[in-house]
Structures are given as structure tokens and as C-alpha cells.
Amino acid sequence: MGVIVKKSKHQKIKEHLESGKTITSWEAITEYRVTRLSAIIFNLKKDGMRIESKDYVGKNNNGDSIRYTTYKYLDIVEDKEQLDMFSNKPKKFKRWLDTPPKLKKGDIR
């Protein structure tokens, strides 16, 4: 007979974000019974996860204005140029004097 390991709320939220989904406090309450999402997000950030927070203003069912925040895990950057900035490869820099400026109509040089 196998041992069933129950996942912590912290682990459930982490897996949710790592799957590429965003989450709000209401989604955390309804899906995972997590009432303190911001505390879990704080701890995940402290553990090194890059999480983006975006604040929104919307309307509830009664038409009242409400504020809410969505959280999204920021994946590894896939932009090759940005990744190369942090590599140990020698970099070739182009000086601004290497290419003369293009003359515009009316320039005297």
C-alpha cells in the first residue's frame, strides 16, 4: 500500500503558477482553499521565484468597483540577445563613430 502525500497550499500555488497560469485571490480561495495568497506569493518570491503582480479595477455583480491583483510566474527569458548579455563570451561593441550619421535633406557637411 502506497503512502499518499498531501500537497501543501504553498506547493499547490507554486505548481499552478509554474504551469503558466495566472491566479487571483478569488481563484486561490475557490480552487485551493487558500485565503492568504499574498503571503504565499511573498514566500515564493523570497524563495527566488520571479512573479509579476498586476493590479486591476473591475466591477462585481452588484456593479460596485472592486480592485484585484493577478499573479503570473515569469518564465526564463527566451530572447537570445538578452541571454547573451549574461554569458561569458567576449562581446563585440560597435562604437557610435564607426558608422557616420546619414545626411538628411538640407544638412550641410
N, C-alpha and C. Protein backbone atom coordinates (compact mmCIF):
# COMPACT_ATOMS: atom_id res chain seq x y z
N MET A 1 0.84 -1.17 0.00
CA MET A 1 0.00 0.00 0.00
C MET A 1 0.89 1.24 0.00
N GLY A 2 0.65 2.16 -0.94
CA GLY A 2 1.47 3.37 -1.07
C GLY A 2 1.05 4.46 -0.10
N VAL A 3 2.00 5.32 0.16
CA VAL A 3 1.74 6.44 1.05
C VAL A 3 1.25 7.62 0.21
N ILE A 4 0.15 8.21 0.62
CA ILE A 4 -0.38 9.36 -0.09
C ILE A 4 0.15 10.62 0.59
N VAL A 5 0.84 11.42 -0.20
CA VAL A 5 1.41 12.65 0.33
C VAL A 5 0.50 13.80 -0.08
N LYS A 6 0.01 14.53 0.91
CA LYS A 6 -0.86 15.66 0.64
C LYS A 6 0.00 16.88 0.35
N LYS A 7 -0.33 17.58 -0.73
CA LYS A 7 0.43 18.77 -1.10
C LYS A 7 0.02 19.95 -0.22
N SER A 8 1.01 20.75 0.12
CA SER A 8 0.71 21.95 0.90
C SER A 8 0.08 23.00 -0.01
N LYS A 9 -0.57 23.98 0.60
CA LYS A 9 -1.15 25.08 -0.17
C LYS A 9 -0.06 25.82 -0.93
N HIS A 10 1.08 25.98 -0.29
CA HIS A 10 2.24 26.62 -0.91
C HIS A 10 2.64 25.90 -2.20
N GLN A 11 2.71 24.58 -2.12
CA GLN A 11 3.10 23.76 -3.27
C GLN A 11 2.04 23.81 -4.37
N LYS A 12 0.77 23.81 -4.00
CA LYS A 12 -0.31 23.88 -4.99
C LYS A 12 -0.24 25.19 -5.79
N ILE A 13 -0.02 26.30 -5.08
CA ILE A 13 0.05 27.61 -5.75
C ILE A 13 1.29 27.66 -6.65
N LYS A 14 2.40 27.13 -6.15
CA LYS A 14 3.64 27.11 -6.94
C LYS A 14 3.45 26.32 -8.24
N GLU A 15 2.84 25.16 -8.15
CA GLU A 15 2.60 24.34 -9.34
C GLU A 15 1.63 25.02 -10.30
N HIS A 16 0.63 25.69 -9.75
CA HIS A 16 -0.33 26.42 -10.58
C HIS A 16 0.39 27.48 -11.41
N LEU A 17 1.24 28.26 -10.76
CA LEU A 17 1.97 29.32 -11.45
C LEU A 17 2.98 28.75 -12.44
N GLU A 18 3.67 27.69 -12.07
CA GLU A 18 4.67 27.08 -12.95
C GLU A 18 4.03 26.46 -14.19
N SER A 19 2.75 26.16 -14.13
CA SER A 19 2.06 25.59 -15.31
C SER A 19 1.74 26.67 -16.34
N GLY A 20 2.04 27.94 -16.00
CA GLY A 20 1.83 29.03 -16.95
C GLY A 20 0.54 29.80 -16.74
N LYS A 21 -0.23 29.42 -15.74
CA LYS A 21 -1.49 30.09 -15.48
C LYS A 21 -1.29 31.28 -14.53
N THR A 22 -2.20 32.24 -14.62
CA THR A 22 -2.21 33.33 -13.65
C THR A 22 -3.18 32.94 -12.54
N ILE A 23 -3.11 33.68 -11.43
CA ILE A 23 -4.03 33.39 -10.32
C ILE A 23 -4.41 34.68 -9.61
N THR A 24 -5.64 34.73 -9.14
CA THR A 24 -6.12 35.84 -8.31
C THR A 24 -6.48 35.28 -6.94
N SER A 25 -6.73 36.17 -6.00
CA SER A 25 -7.13 35.72 -4.66
C SER A 25 -8.40 34.88 -4.71
N TRP A 26 -9.37 35.31 -5.51
CA TRP A 26 -10.63 34.57 -5.58
C TRP A 26 -10.41 33.17 -6.16
N GLU A 27 -9.58 33.05 -7.19
CA GLU A 27 -9.28 31.73 -7.74
C GLU A 27 -8.57 30.85 -6.72
N ALA A 28 -7.69 31.45 -5.93
CA ALA A 28 -6.97 30.69 -4.90
C ALA A 28 -7.94 30.18 -3.84
N ILE A 29 -8.93 31.01 -3.49
CA ILE A 29 -9.92 30.59 -2.49
C ILE A 29 -10.78 29.46 -3.04
N THR A 30 -11.30 29.63 -4.25
CA THR A 30 -12.24 28.65 -4.79
C THR A 30 -11.58 27.34 -5.22
N GLU A 31 -10.36 27.42 -5.77
CA GLU A 31 -9.71 26.21 -6.27
C GLU A 31 -8.88 25.47 -5.22
N TYR A 32 -8.21 26.24 -4.33
CA TYR A 32 -7.25 25.61 -3.41
C TYR A 32 -7.55 25.88 -1.94
N ARG A 33 -8.64 26.62 -1.65
CA ARG A 33 -8.99 26.98 -0.28
C ARG A 33 -7.87 27.77 0.40
N VAL A 34 -7.18 28.60 -0.38
CA VAL A 34 -6.10 29.46 0.12
C VAL A 34 -6.68 30.85 0.34
N THR A 35 -6.64 31.33 1.57
CA THR A 35 -7.20 32.65 1.87
C THR A 35 -6.13 33.73 1.97
N ARG A 36 -4.88 33.35 2.06
CA ARG A 36 -3.80 34.34 2.18
C ARG A 36 -2.81 34.18 1.02
N LEU A 37 -3.31 34.38 -0.20
CA LEU A 37 -2.48 34.22 -1.39
C LEU A 37 -1.28 35.15 -1.37
N SER A 38 -1.47 36.39 -0.95
CA SER A 38 -0.35 37.35 -0.97
C SER A 38 0.80 36.88 -0.08
N ALA A 39 0.51 36.21 1.01
CA ALA A 39 1.56 35.68 1.89
C ALA A 39 2.34 34.57 1.20
N ILE A 40 1.61 33.71 0.48
CA ILE A 40 2.27 32.63 -0.25
C ILE A 40 3.12 33.20 -1.38
N ILE A 41 2.61 34.21 -2.10
CA ILE A 41 3.37 34.85 -3.17
C ILE A 41 4.63 35.48 -2.60
N PHE A 42 4.51 36.14 -1.44
CA PHE A 42 5.67 36.75 -0.78
C PHE A 42 6.74 35.69 -0.51
N ASN A 43 6.34 34.55 0.02
CA ASN A 43 7.30 33.48 0.33
C ASN A 43 7.90 32.87 -0.93
N LEU A 44 7.10 32.73 -1.98
CA LEU A 44 7.64 32.19 -3.24
C LEU A 44 8.67 33.14 -3.83
N LYS A 45 8.40 34.44 -3.76
CA LYS A 45 9.37 35.43 -4.24
C LYS A 45 10.64 35.37 -3.39
N LYS A 46 10.46 35.21 -2.09
CA LYS A 46 11.61 35.12 -1.19
C LYS A 46 12.46 33.88 -1.51
N ASP A 47 11.80 32.83 -1.99
CA ASP A 47 12.50 31.59 -2.37
C ASP A 47 13.15 31.69 -3.74
N GLY A 48 12.97 32.83 -4.43
CA GLY A 48 13.66 33.02 -5.70
C GLY A 48 12.78 32.99 -6.94
N MET A 49 11.50 32.74 -6.79
CA MET A 49 10.62 32.73 -7.97
C MET A 49 10.37 34.15 -8.42
N ARG A 50 10.40 34.35 -9.72
CA ARG A 50 10.09 35.67 -10.30
C ARG A 50 8.61 35.71 -10.63
N ILE A 51 7.85 36.48 -9.85
CA ILE A 51 6.41 36.54 -10.01
C ILE A 51 6.01 37.99 -10.26
N GLU A 52 5.22 38.20 -11.30
CA GLU A 52 4.75 39.53 -11.65
C GLU A 52 3.36 39.74 -11.06
N SER A 53 3.14 40.92 -10.50
CA SER A 53 1.83 41.29 -9.95
C SER A 53 1.25 42.42 -10.79
N LYS A 54 -0.01 42.28 -11.18
CA LYS A 54 -0.70 43.34 -11.91
C LYS A 54 -2.01 43.66 -11.20
N ASP A 55 -2.21 44.94 -10.93
CA ASP A 55 -3.43 45.38 -10.26
C ASP A 55 -4.47 45.79 -11.30
N TYR A 56 -5.72 45.44 -11.03
CA TYR A 56 -6.83 45.76 -11.92
C TYR A 56 -7.98 46.37 -11.13
N VAL A 57 -8.82 47.11 -11.83
CA VAL A 57 -10.07 47.62 -11.26
C VAL A 57 -11.19 47.09 -12.14
N GLY A 58 -12.21 46.54 -11.51
CA GLY A 58 -13.33 45.97 -12.25
C GLY A 58 -14.63 46.22 -11.52
N LYS A 59 -15.65 45.55 -11.95
CA LYS A 59 -16.99 45.66 -11.34
C LYS A 59 -17.42 44.28 -10.85
N ASN A 60 -18.09 44.25 -9.69
CA ASN A 60 -18.63 42.99 -9.22
C ASN A 60 -20.06 42.82 -9.73
N ASN A 61 -20.76 41.79 -9.28
CA ASN A 61 -22.12 41.51 -9.75
C ASN A 61 -23.11 42.62 -9.41
N ASN A 62 -22.82 43.38 -8.36
CA ASN A 62 -23.70 44.48 -7.95
C ASN A 62 -23.37 45.78 -8.67
N GLY A 63 -22.32 45.77 -9.49
CA GLY A 63 -21.92 46.98 -10.20
C GLY A 63 -20.96 47.86 -9.42
N ASP A 64 -20.54 47.41 -8.24
CA ASP A 64 -19.59 48.17 -7.43
C ASP A 64 -18.18 47.98 -7.97
N SER A 65 -17.36 49.03 -7.84
CA SER A 65 -15.97 48.93 -8.26
C SER A 65 -15.19 48.07 -7.27
N ILE A 66 -14.37 47.20 -7.82
CA ILE A 66 -13.51 46.35 -6.99
C ILE A 66 -12.09 46.39 -7.54
N ARG A 67 -11.15 46.13 -6.68
CA ARG A 67 -9.74 46.01 -7.08
C ARG A 67 -9.30 44.59 -6.85
N TYR A 68 -8.46 44.10 -7.75
CA TYR A 68 -7.90 42.77 -7.56
C TYR A 68 -6.54 42.71 -8.24
N THR A 69 -5.76 41.73 -7.85
CA THR A 69 -4.40 41.54 -8.36
C THR A 69 -4.29 40.16 -8.98
N THR A 70 -3.63 40.09 -10.14
CA THR A 70 -3.32 38.79 -10.73
C THR A 70 -1.81 38.57 -10.59
N TYR A 71 -1.45 37.34 -10.35
CA TYR A 71 -0.04 36.96 -10.21
C TYR A 71 0.31 36.02 -11.34
N LYS A 72 1.50 36.21 -11.89
CA LYS A 72 1.97 35.39 -13.01
C LYS A 72 3.45 35.08 -12.80
N TYR A 73 3.81 33.82 -13.03
CA TYR A 73 5.20 33.40 -12.94
C TYR A 73 5.93 33.83 -14.20
N LEU A 74 7.06 34.48 -14.04
CA LEU A 74 7.86 34.92 -15.19
C LEU A 74 8.85 33.82 -15.52
N ASP A 75 8.64 33.21 -16.67
CA ASP A 75 9.47 32.12 -17.13
C ASP A 75 10.87 32.61 -17.50
N ILE A 76 11.72 31.70 -17.88
CA ILE A 76 13.06 32.04 -18.35
C ILE A 76 12.95 32.87 -19.61
N VAL A 77 13.77 33.87 -19.72
CA VAL A 77 13.76 34.75 -20.89
C VAL A 77 14.19 33.95 -22.10
N GLU A 78 13.42 34.04 -23.17
CA GLU A 78 13.75 33.30 -24.38
C GLU A 78 14.37 34.19 -25.45
N ASP A 79 14.62 35.43 -25.14
CA ASP A 79 15.23 36.35 -26.08
C ASP A 79 16.73 36.09 -26.09
N LYS A 80 17.26 35.62 -27.21
CA LYS A 80 18.66 35.23 -27.32
C LYS A 80 19.60 36.39 -26.99
N GLU A 81 19.28 37.59 -27.46
CA GLU A 81 20.15 38.74 -27.19
C GLU A 81 20.24 39.03 -25.71
N GLN A 82 19.12 38.93 -25.00
CA GLN A 82 19.14 39.19 -23.57
C GLN A 82 19.93 38.12 -22.83
N LEU A 83 19.80 36.87 -23.26
CA LEU A 83 20.56 35.81 -22.61
C LEU A 83 22.06 35.97 -22.86
N ASP A 84 22.44 36.39 -24.07
CA ASP A 84 23.85 36.57 -24.40
C ASP A 84 24.50 37.67 -23.58
N MET A 85 23.71 38.63 -23.11
CA MET A 85 24.27 39.71 -22.29
C MET A 85 24.95 39.16 -21.05
N PHE A 86 24.46 38.04 -20.54
CA PHE A 86 24.96 37.49 -19.29
C PHE A 86 25.93 36.33 -19.49
N SER A 87 26.29 36.04 -20.73
CA SER A 87 27.22 34.95 -20.98
C SER A 87 28.66 35.44 -20.80
N ASN A 88 29.58 34.50 -20.75
CA ASN A 88 31.00 34.83 -20.59
C ASN A 88 31.71 34.99 -21.92
N LYS A 89 30.97 34.90 -23.02
CA LYS A 89 31.57 35.06 -24.34
C LYS A 89 32.05 36.50 -24.51
N PRO A 90 33.17 36.68 -25.24
CA PRO A 90 33.62 38.05 -25.50
C PRO A 90 32.57 38.79 -26.32
N LYS A 91 32.38 40.03 -26.00
CA LYS A 91 31.37 40.83 -26.68
C LYS A 91 32.02 41.82 -27.64
N LYS A 92 31.39 41.99 -28.77
CA LYS A 92 31.88 42.94 -29.75
C LYS A 92 30.97 44.17 -29.70
N PHE A 93 31.56 45.27 -29.33
CA PHE A 93 30.80 46.50 -29.24
C PHE A 93 31.04 47.37 -30.46
N LYS A 94 30.01 48.02 -30.88
CA LYS A 94 30.10 48.90 -32.03
C LYS A 94 30.12 50.34 -31.51
N ARG A 95 31.15 51.05 -31.87
CA ARG A 95 31.23 52.44 -31.42
C ARG A 95 30.34 53.30 -32.29
N TRP A 96 29.83 54.35 -31.73
CA TRP A 96 28.92 55.21 -32.49
C TRP A 96 29.66 55.96 -33.59
N LEU A 97 31.00 56.05 -33.51
CA LEU A 97 31.77 56.73 -34.54
C LEU A 97 32.11 55.82 -35.72
N ASP A 98 31.89 54.49 -35.55
CA ASP A 98 32.21 53.55 -36.61
C ASP A 98 31.35 53.76 -37.86
N THR A 99 30.15 54.22 -37.68
CA THR A 99 29.29 54.48 -38.83
C THR A 99 28.89 55.95 -38.80
N PRO A 100 29.24 56.68 -39.86
CA PRO A 100 28.89 58.10 -39.88
C PRO A 100 27.37 58.28 -39.97
N PRO A 101 26.86 59.37 -39.42
CA PRO A 101 25.42 59.59 -39.50
C PRO A 101 24.97 59.83 -40.93
N LYS A 102 23.77 59.43 -41.24
CA LYS A 102 23.21 59.63 -42.57
C LYS A 102 22.78 61.09 -42.71
N LEU A 103 23.10 61.66 -43.85
CA LEU A 103 22.70 63.04 -44.09
C LEU A 103 21.21 63.12 -44.39
N LYS A 104 20.60 64.11 -43.81
CA LYS A 104 19.19 64.36 -44.07
C LYS A 104 19.08 65.49 -45.06
N LYS A 105 17.96 65.60 -45.67
CA LYS A 105 17.73 66.65 -46.66
C LYS A 105 17.95 68.01 -45.98
N GLY A 106 18.81 68.82 -46.58
CA GLY A 106 19.10 70.14 -46.05
C GLY A 106 20.33 70.21 -45.17
N ASP A 107 20.94 69.03 -44.81
CA ASP A 107 22.16 69.07 -44.00
C ASP A 107 23.34 69.56 -44.82
N ILE A 108 24.17 70.36 -44.19
CA ILE A 108 25.40 70.85 -44.86
C ILE A 108 26.59 70.27 -44.13
N ARG A 109 27.33 69.43 -44.82
CA ARG A 109 28.53 68.83 -44.20
C ARG A 109 29.60 68.64 -45.23
